[in-house]
Amino acid sequence: MPDIVTVIRPKTVTRSARPRLYRVVLINDDFTPREFVCIVLKAVFRMGEAEARRVMLTAHQKGACVVAVFTREVAETRAAQAHAMAAKEGHPLTFRVEPED
């Protein structure tokens, strides 16, 4: 009677890679009113009053400030919403989306 050979193969577990993250950066300009910037940050990025003011002042003092970090689609959507909100009111408020290092 022949010997039966059993071959055991290891199971491969596939894990999906984490999606790359992108920063939404608020760019300072000298024309958009500070209060309007806070309104946009609270409406689009769901910030509280204190956090929105801190982000707005940081961008004002340093020229730019990271607002939030999201996946690419969410970052681009939020930046577009904020830009559209500013354009509707006639303000040149700008948000840039860039990959996180």
N, C-alpha and C. Protein backbone atom coordinates (compact mmCIF):
# COMPACT_ATOMS: atom_id res chain seq x y z
N MET A 1 0.85 -1.17 0.00
CA MET A 1 0.00 0.00 0.00
C MET A 1 0.90 1.24 0.00
N PRO A 2 0.67 2.18 -0.95
CA PRO A 2 1.52 3.37 -1.03
C PRO A 2 1.23 4.33 0.11
N ASP A 3 2.29 5.05 0.50
CA ASP A 3 2.12 6.07 1.56
C ASP A 3 1.43 7.30 0.98
N ILE A 4 0.53 7.88 1.75
CA ILE A 4 -0.17 9.09 1.33
C ILE A 4 0.60 10.29 1.87
N VAL A 5 0.94 11.19 0.98
CA VAL A 5 1.69 12.38 1.37
C VAL A 5 0.72 13.56 1.40
N THR A 6 0.69 14.25 2.52
CA THR A 6 -0.18 15.41 2.65
C THR A 6 0.69 16.66 2.59
N VAL A 7 0.35 17.53 1.67
CA VAL A 7 1.09 18.78 1.53
C VAL A 7 0.26 19.88 2.18
N ILE A 8 0.86 20.57 3.11
CA ILE A 8 0.17 21.67 3.79
C ILE A 8 0.70 22.98 3.21
N ARG A 9 -0.22 23.74 2.69
CA ARG A 9 0.15 25.03 2.10
C ARG A 9 -0.24 26.15 3.08
N PRO A 10 0.67 27.08 3.27
CA PRO A 10 0.33 28.18 4.18
C PRO A 10 -0.76 29.06 3.57
N LYS A 11 -1.62 29.56 4.41
CA LYS A 11 -2.67 30.45 3.92
C LYS A 11 -2.10 31.85 3.76
N THR A 12 -2.46 32.45 2.66
CA THR A 12 -2.00 33.83 2.42
C THR A 12 -3.10 34.78 2.85
N VAL A 13 -2.70 35.71 3.65
CA VAL A 13 -3.65 36.72 4.10
C VAL A 13 -3.33 38.01 3.36
N THR A 14 -4.30 38.52 2.63
CA THR A 14 -4.07 39.77 1.91
C THR A 14 -4.67 40.91 2.73
N ARG A 15 -3.89 41.91 2.86
CA ARG A 15 -4.35 43.11 3.57
C ARG A 15 -4.32 44.27 2.59
N SER A 16 -5.36 45.02 2.64
CA SER A 16 -5.38 46.18 1.75
C SER A 16 -4.49 47.27 2.35
N ALA A 17 -3.79 47.95 1.48
CA ALA A 17 -2.90 49.01 1.94
C ALA A 17 -3.73 50.20 2.38
N ARG A 18 -3.22 50.92 3.35
CA ARG A 18 -3.91 52.12 3.80
C ARG A 18 -3.84 53.16 2.70
N PRO A 19 -4.92 53.88 2.48
CA PRO A 19 -4.90 54.91 1.43
C PRO A 19 -3.97 56.04 1.80
N ARG A 20 -3.37 56.62 0.79
CA ARG A 20 -2.47 57.75 1.01
C ARG A 20 -3.28 58.94 1.51
N LEU A 21 -2.71 59.70 2.42
CA LEU A 21 -3.41 60.84 3.00
C LEU A 21 -2.95 62.14 2.38
N TYR A 22 -3.87 63.10 2.37
CA TYR A 22 -3.60 64.42 1.77
C TYR A 22 -3.99 65.52 2.75
N ARG A 23 -3.16 66.56 2.77
CA ARG A 23 -3.43 67.73 3.62
C ARG A 23 -4.24 68.75 2.86
N VAL A 24 -5.17 69.39 3.56
CA VAL A 24 -5.86 70.55 3.02
C VAL A 24 -5.21 71.75 3.71
N VAL A 25 -4.63 72.65 2.91
CA VAL A 25 -3.89 73.78 3.44
C VAL A 25 -4.62 75.07 3.10
N LEU A 26 -4.84 75.89 4.12
CA LEU A 26 -5.44 77.20 3.94
C LEU A 26 -4.33 78.19 3.60
N ILE A 27 -4.50 78.90 2.49
CA ILE A 27 -3.52 79.89 2.05
C ILE A 27 -4.03 81.28 2.43
N ASN A 28 -3.19 82.05 3.09
CA ASN A 28 -3.59 83.39 3.52
C ASN A 28 -3.69 84.34 2.32
N ASP A 29 -4.68 85.22 2.40
CA ASP A 29 -4.76 86.32 1.44
C ASP A 29 -5.15 87.57 2.25
N ASP A 30 -4.92 88.73 1.68
CA ASP A 30 -5.19 89.97 2.40
C ASP A 30 -6.56 90.55 2.08
N PHE A 31 -7.43 89.78 1.45
CA PHE A 31 -8.71 90.32 1.01
C PHE A 31 -9.91 89.66 1.68
N THR A 32 -9.83 88.38 1.99
CA THR A 32 -10.95 87.67 2.61
C THR A 32 -11.05 88.05 4.09
N PRO A 33 -12.23 88.48 4.54
CA PRO A 33 -12.39 88.85 5.95
C PRO A 33 -12.14 87.64 6.87
N ARG A 34 -11.51 87.90 8.00
CA ARG A 34 -11.19 86.84 8.94
C ARG A 34 -12.42 86.09 9.42
N GLU A 35 -13.48 86.81 9.69
CA GLU A 35 -14.70 86.17 10.16
C GLU A 35 -15.27 85.22 9.11
N PHE A 36 -15.17 85.59 7.84
CA PHE A 36 -15.66 84.71 6.78
C PHE A 36 -14.82 83.44 6.72
N VAL A 37 -13.51 83.56 6.90
CA VAL A 37 -12.64 82.38 6.92
C VAL A 37 -13.09 81.44 8.03
N CYS A 38 -13.40 81.98 9.19
CA CYS A 38 -13.87 81.15 10.31
C CYS A 38 -15.20 80.48 9.97
N ILE A 39 -16.08 81.19 9.31
CA ILE A 39 -17.37 80.62 8.91
C ILE A 39 -17.16 79.43 7.98
N VAL A 40 -16.27 79.57 7.01
CA VAL A 40 -15.97 78.48 6.07
C VAL A 40 -15.37 77.28 6.81
N LEU A 41 -14.42 77.54 7.69
CA LEU A 41 -13.78 76.45 8.44
C LEU A 41 -14.78 75.70 9.30
N LYS A 42 -15.70 76.42 9.91
CA LYS A 42 -16.72 75.76 10.74
C LYS A 42 -17.72 74.99 9.88
N ALA A 43 -18.12 75.56 8.75
CA ALA A 43 -19.14 74.93 7.91
C ALA A 43 -18.61 73.72 7.15
N VAL A 44 -17.46 73.87 6.52
CA VAL A 44 -16.94 72.82 5.64
C VAL A 44 -16.11 71.78 6.40
N PHE A 45 -15.30 72.26 7.36
CA PHE A 45 -14.39 71.34 8.06
C PHE A 45 -14.87 70.98 9.46
N ARG A 46 -16.10 71.42 9.80
CA ARG A 46 -16.74 71.07 11.08
C ARG A 46 -15.88 71.39 12.29
N MET A 47 -15.30 72.57 12.29
CA MET A 47 -14.48 73.02 13.41
C MET A 47 -15.33 73.81 14.39
N GLY A 48 -14.88 73.83 15.63
CA GLY A 48 -15.49 74.69 16.62
C GLY A 48 -14.97 76.11 16.44
N GLU A 49 -15.57 77.04 17.14
CA GLU A 49 -15.18 78.45 17.03
C GLU A 49 -13.71 78.67 17.37
N ALA A 50 -13.24 78.11 18.47
CA ALA A 50 -11.86 78.31 18.92
C ALA A 50 -10.85 77.72 17.93
N GLU A 51 -11.12 76.52 17.44
CA GLU A 51 -10.20 75.88 16.50
C GLU A 51 -10.17 76.62 15.17
N ALA A 52 -11.34 77.06 14.70
CA ALA A 52 -11.39 77.80 13.44
C ALA A 52 -10.60 79.10 13.56
N ARG A 53 -10.74 79.79 14.68
CA ARG A 53 -10.00 81.04 14.89
C ARG A 53 -8.50 80.78 14.94
N ARG A 54 -8.09 79.69 15.61
CA ARG A 54 -6.66 79.36 15.72
C ARG A 54 -6.07 79.07 14.34
N VAL A 55 -6.79 78.29 13.52
CA VAL A 55 -6.31 77.95 12.17
C VAL A 55 -6.23 79.22 11.32
N MET A 56 -7.25 80.06 11.40
CA MET A 56 -7.28 81.29 10.62
C MET A 56 -6.12 82.20 11.00
N LEU A 57 -5.86 82.35 12.30
CA LEU A 57 -4.76 83.23 12.76
C LEU A 57 -3.40 82.65 12.39
N THR A 58 -3.25 81.34 12.46
CA THR A 58 -1.98 80.72 12.06
C THR A 58 -1.71 80.97 10.59
N ALA A 59 -2.73 80.79 9.75
CA ALA A 59 -2.56 81.06 8.31
C ALA A 59 -2.25 82.54 8.09
N HIS A 60 -2.89 83.41 8.84
CA HIS A 60 -2.67 84.85 8.70
C HIS A 60 -1.23 85.22 9.07
N GLN A 61 -0.71 84.63 10.13
CA GLN A 61 0.63 84.96 10.61
C GLN A 61 1.73 84.27 9.83
N LYS A 62 1.51 83.03 9.41
CA LYS A 62 2.57 82.25 8.76
C LYS A 62 2.41 82.13 7.25
N GLY A 63 1.26 82.56 6.71
CA GLY A 63 1.04 82.50 5.28
C GLY A 63 0.24 81.29 4.83
N ALA A 64 0.24 80.22 5.63
CA ALA A 64 -0.51 79.01 5.31
C ALA A 64 -0.65 78.18 6.58
N CYS A 65 -1.66 77.31 6.59
CA CYS A 65 -1.87 76.45 7.75
C CYS A 65 -2.60 75.19 7.31
N VAL A 66 -2.17 74.05 7.83
CA VAL A 66 -2.85 72.79 7.53
C VAL A 66 -4.20 72.81 8.26
N VAL A 67 -5.25 72.60 7.52
CA VAL A 67 -6.60 72.61 8.08
C VAL A 67 -6.97 71.21 8.56
N ALA A 68 -6.74 70.21 7.72
CA ALA A 68 -7.11 68.83 8.05
C ALA A 68 -6.38 67.87 7.13
N VAL A 69 -6.43 66.59 7.48
CA VAL A 69 -5.82 65.54 6.68
C VAL A 69 -6.88 64.49 6.38
N PHE A 70 -7.04 64.17 5.09
CA PHE A 70 -8.07 63.23 4.65
C PHE A 70 -7.49 62.34 3.55
N THR A 71 -8.33 61.38 3.11
CA THR A 71 -7.99 60.66 1.89
C THR A 71 -8.13 61.66 0.74
N ARG A 72 -7.59 61.31 -0.41
CA ARG A 72 -7.55 62.25 -1.53
C ARG A 72 -8.93 62.77 -1.94
N GLU A 73 -9.88 61.86 -2.09
CA GLU A 73 -11.21 62.26 -2.54
C GLU A 73 -11.88 63.21 -1.57
N VAL A 74 -11.78 62.91 -0.28
CA VAL A 74 -12.40 63.76 0.74
C VAL A 74 -11.70 65.12 0.79
N ALA A 75 -10.37 65.12 0.73
CA ALA A 75 -9.62 66.37 0.77
C ALA A 75 -10.00 67.26 -0.41
N GLU A 76 -10.06 66.69 -1.60
CA GLU A 76 -10.39 67.48 -2.79
C GLU A 76 -11.83 67.99 -2.73
N THR A 77 -12.74 67.17 -2.21
CA THR A 77 -14.14 67.57 -2.10
C THR A 77 -14.29 68.72 -1.12
N ARG A 78 -13.66 68.60 0.06
CA ARG A 78 -13.77 69.66 1.06
C ARG A 78 -13.14 70.96 0.57
N ALA A 79 -11.99 70.86 -0.07
CA ALA A 79 -11.34 72.07 -0.60
C ALA A 79 -12.22 72.73 -1.66
N ALA A 80 -12.85 71.93 -2.51
CA ALA A 80 -13.73 72.47 -3.55
C ALA A 80 -14.96 73.12 -2.93
N GLN A 81 -15.52 72.51 -1.89
CA GLN A 81 -16.68 73.09 -1.20
C GLN A 81 -16.32 74.44 -0.59
N ALA A 82 -15.16 74.50 0.05
CA ALA A 82 -14.72 75.75 0.69
C ALA A 82 -14.47 76.83 -0.36
N HIS A 83 -13.84 76.44 -1.46
CA HIS A 83 -13.57 77.39 -2.54
C HIS A 83 -14.86 77.90 -3.15
N ALA A 84 -15.83 77.01 -3.36
CA ALA A 84 -17.12 77.41 -3.93
C ALA A 84 -17.87 78.35 -3.00
N MET A 85 -17.79 78.08 -1.71
CA MET A 85 -18.46 78.94 -0.72
C MET A 85 -17.86 80.35 -0.76
N ALA A 86 -16.54 80.42 -0.88
CA ALA A 86 -15.86 81.73 -0.95
C ALA A 86 -16.16 82.43 -2.27
N ALA A 87 -16.15 81.69 -3.36
CA ALA A 87 -16.40 82.29 -4.67
C ALA A 87 -17.82 82.85 -4.75
N LYS A 88 -18.76 82.16 -4.13
CA LYS A 88 -20.15 82.62 -4.11
C LYS A 88 -20.27 83.99 -3.45
N GLU A 89 -19.42 84.23 -2.45
CA GLU A 89 -19.43 85.52 -1.74
C GLU A 89 -18.45 86.52 -2.34
N GLY A 90 -17.72 86.09 -3.38
CA GLY A 90 -16.79 86.99 -4.05
C GLY A 90 -15.44 87.15 -3.36
N HIS A 91 -15.05 86.15 -2.57
CA HIS A 91 -13.76 86.21 -1.86
C HIS A 91 -12.75 85.29 -2.54
N PRO A 92 -11.47 85.69 -2.55
CA PRO A 92 -10.44 84.87 -3.20
C PRO A 92 -9.82 83.80 -2.28
N LEU A 93 -10.55 83.34 -1.29
CA LEU A 93 -10.04 82.35 -0.34
C LEU A 93 -9.56 81.11 -1.08
N THR A 94 -8.36 80.62 -0.73
CA THR A 94 -7.76 79.51 -1.45
C THR A 94 -7.36 78.39 -0.49
N PHE A 95 -7.64 77.16 -0.91
CA PHE A 95 -7.22 75.97 -0.19
C PHE A 95 -6.43 75.11 -1.17
N ARG A 96 -5.32 74.55 -0.72
CA ARG A 96 -4.49 73.70 -1.57
C ARG A 96 -4.53 72.28 -0.99
N VAL A 97 -4.56 71.28 -1.84
CA VAL A 97 -4.51 69.88 -1.43
C VAL A 97 -3.15 69.33 -1.84
N GLU A 98 -2.44 68.76 -0.86
CA GLU A 98 -1.10 68.23 -1.16
C GLU A 98 -0.91 66.91 -0.42
N PRO A 99 -0.11 66.00 -0.98
CA PRO A 99 0.11 64.71 -0.33
C PRO A 99 0.87 64.90 0.99
N GLU A 100 0.51 64.08 1.96
CA GLU A 100 1.21 64.12 3.23
C GLU A 100 2.48 63.29 3.11
N ASP A 101 3.53 63.76 3.69
CA ASP A 101 4.82 63.06 3.61
C ASP A 101 4.84 61.80 4.41
